[in-house]
Amino acid sequence: MMNIAVSPSTQRNGIGAQLLKYVIEIARESGAQRLEVGTGTFGYQLTFYQRQGFRVERIDKDFFLKNYPEPIIENGIQHKDMLRLALELCGDNYYSRKV
């Protein structure tokens, strides 16, 4: 999954969670065994994915520094590293959550 976004004016209404639930169902129905996302090391995006059952797999050091021409600043802090998170869709680690 590359990006999921909701207009700031409509955030915190469950729209993003519903979009993510839809993506998870499509991935599962297509036979995918896991879904991976990348996000910053802090901020609401990280907790959003963790609430949906995603777990940290690894860190891509300096990802945002190397891949974006302009600094990405959130709450006065520059994003530098990307966390890679994964959600297992089958097997013993399968996570199912009603959103």
Protein backbone atom coordinates (compact mmCIF):
# COMPACT_ATOMS: atom_id res chain seq x y z
CA MET A 1 0.00 0.00 0.00
CA MET A 2 1.44 3.35 -0.98
CA ASN A 3 -0.79 6.09 0.40
CA ILE A 4 -4.04 6.57 2.22
CA ALA A 5 -5.20 10.10 2.91
CA VAL A 6 -8.26 11.94 4.14
CA SER A 7 -8.75 15.69 3.91
CA PRO A 8 -7.76 17.32 7.21
CA SER A 9 -11.23 18.85 7.52
CA THR A 10 -12.85 15.39 7.56
CA GLN A 11 -10.28 13.48 9.64
CA ARG A 12 -11.21 11.75 12.89
CA ASN A 13 -14.59 10.64 11.54
CA GLY A 14 -13.63 7.03 10.74
CA ILE A 15 -13.20 7.60 7.00
CA GLY A 16 -9.53 6.57 6.99
CA ALA A 17 -10.27 3.49 9.06
CA GLN A 18 -13.01 2.49 6.61
CA LEU A 19 -10.68 3.03 3.64
CA LEU A 20 -8.01 0.90 5.31
CA LYS A 21 -10.54 -1.80 6.17
CA TYR A 22 -11.55 -1.91 2.50
CA VAL A 23 -7.90 -2.23 1.38
CA ILE A 24 -7.33 -5.04 3.91
CA GLU A 25 -10.40 -6.94 2.65
CA ILE A 26 -9.36 -6.55 -1.01
CA ALA A 27 -5.83 -7.73 -0.19
CA ARG A 28 -7.15 -10.73 1.74
CA GLU A 29 -9.62 -11.66 -1.03
CA SER A 30 -6.82 -11.48 -3.62
CA GLY A 31 -4.83 -14.04 -1.62
CA ALA A 32 -2.26 -11.68 -0.09
CA GLN A 33 -0.70 -13.01 3.09
CA ARG A 34 0.44 -9.66 4.46
CA LEU A 35 0.09 -5.96 3.92
CA GLU A 36 2.97 -3.53 4.42
CA VAL A 37 3.00 0.24 4.90
CA GLY A 38 5.64 2.84 5.55
CA THR A 39 5.18 5.91 7.75
CA GLY A 40 7.12 8.34 9.86
CA THR A 41 8.58 7.35 13.22
CA PHE A 42 6.11 9.55 15.13
CA GLY A 43 2.78 11.25 14.72
CA TYR A 44 -0.86 10.36 14.32
CA GLN A 45 -0.21 8.24 11.20
CA LEU A 46 1.87 5.75 13.19
CA THR A 47 -0.78 5.30 15.87
CA PHE A 48 -3.49 5.05 13.18
CA TYR A 49 -1.83 1.99 11.64
CA GLN A 50 -0.98 0.46 15.01
CA ARG A 51 -4.65 0.71 16.07
CA GLN A 52 -5.50 -1.35 12.98
CA GLY A 53 -3.08 -4.11 14.02
CA PHE A 54 0.03 -3.19 12.02
CA ARG A 55 3.33 -3.92 13.77
CA VAL A 56 6.76 -2.40 13.24
CA GLU A 57 9.01 -4.59 11.08
CA ARG A 58 12.05 -2.43 10.39
CA ILE A 59 13.42 1.08 10.06
CA ASP A 60 14.56 2.68 6.78
CA LYS A 61 17.12 5.15 8.10
CA ASP A 62 17.20 8.56 6.42
CA PHE A 63 14.38 7.57 4.02
CA PHE A 64 12.70 10.98 4.06
CA LEU A 65 16.03 12.80 3.79
CA LYS A 66 17.07 10.78 0.72
CA ASN A 67 13.72 10.61 -1.10
CA TYR A 68 12.04 13.98 -0.60
CA PRO A 69 13.47 17.28 -1.87
CA GLU A 70 11.80 19.34 0.87
CA PRO A 71 11.89 18.57 4.60
CA ILE A 72 8.75 16.98 6.04
CA ILE A 73 8.02 18.70 9.33
CA GLU A 74 5.33 17.58 11.79
CA ASN A 75 4.80 19.30 15.14
CA GLY A 76 8.09 21.13 14.69
CA ILE A 77 10.10 17.91 14.18
CA GLN A 78 11.61 16.80 10.87
CA HIS A 79 10.82 13.30 9.68
CA LYS A 80 14.05 11.49 8.82
CA ASP A 81 13.48 7.74 9.15
CA MET A 82 10.58 5.63 7.88
CA LEU A 83 9.06 2.81 9.89
CA ARG A 84 7.94 -0.18 7.87
CA LEU A 85 4.88 -1.82 9.40
CA ALA A 86 3.15 -5.05 8.44
CA LEU A 87 -0.21 -6.68 9.03
CA GLU A 88 -0.36 -10.47 8.72
CA LEU A 89 -3.51 -11.50 6.84
CA CYS A 90 -3.35 -15.24 7.47
CA GLY A 91 -1.72 -17.86 9.66
CA ASP A 92 -1.12 -17.79 13.42
CA ASN A 93 -0.38 -14.05 13.39
CA TYR A 94 -3.61 -13.17 11.54
CA TYR A 95 -5.22 -10.08 12.97
CA SER A 96 -8.87 -9.34 12.40
CA ARG A 97 -10.52 -6.21 13.75
CA LYS A 98 -13.91 -4.68 13.19
CA VAL A 99 -13.52 -1.02 12.35
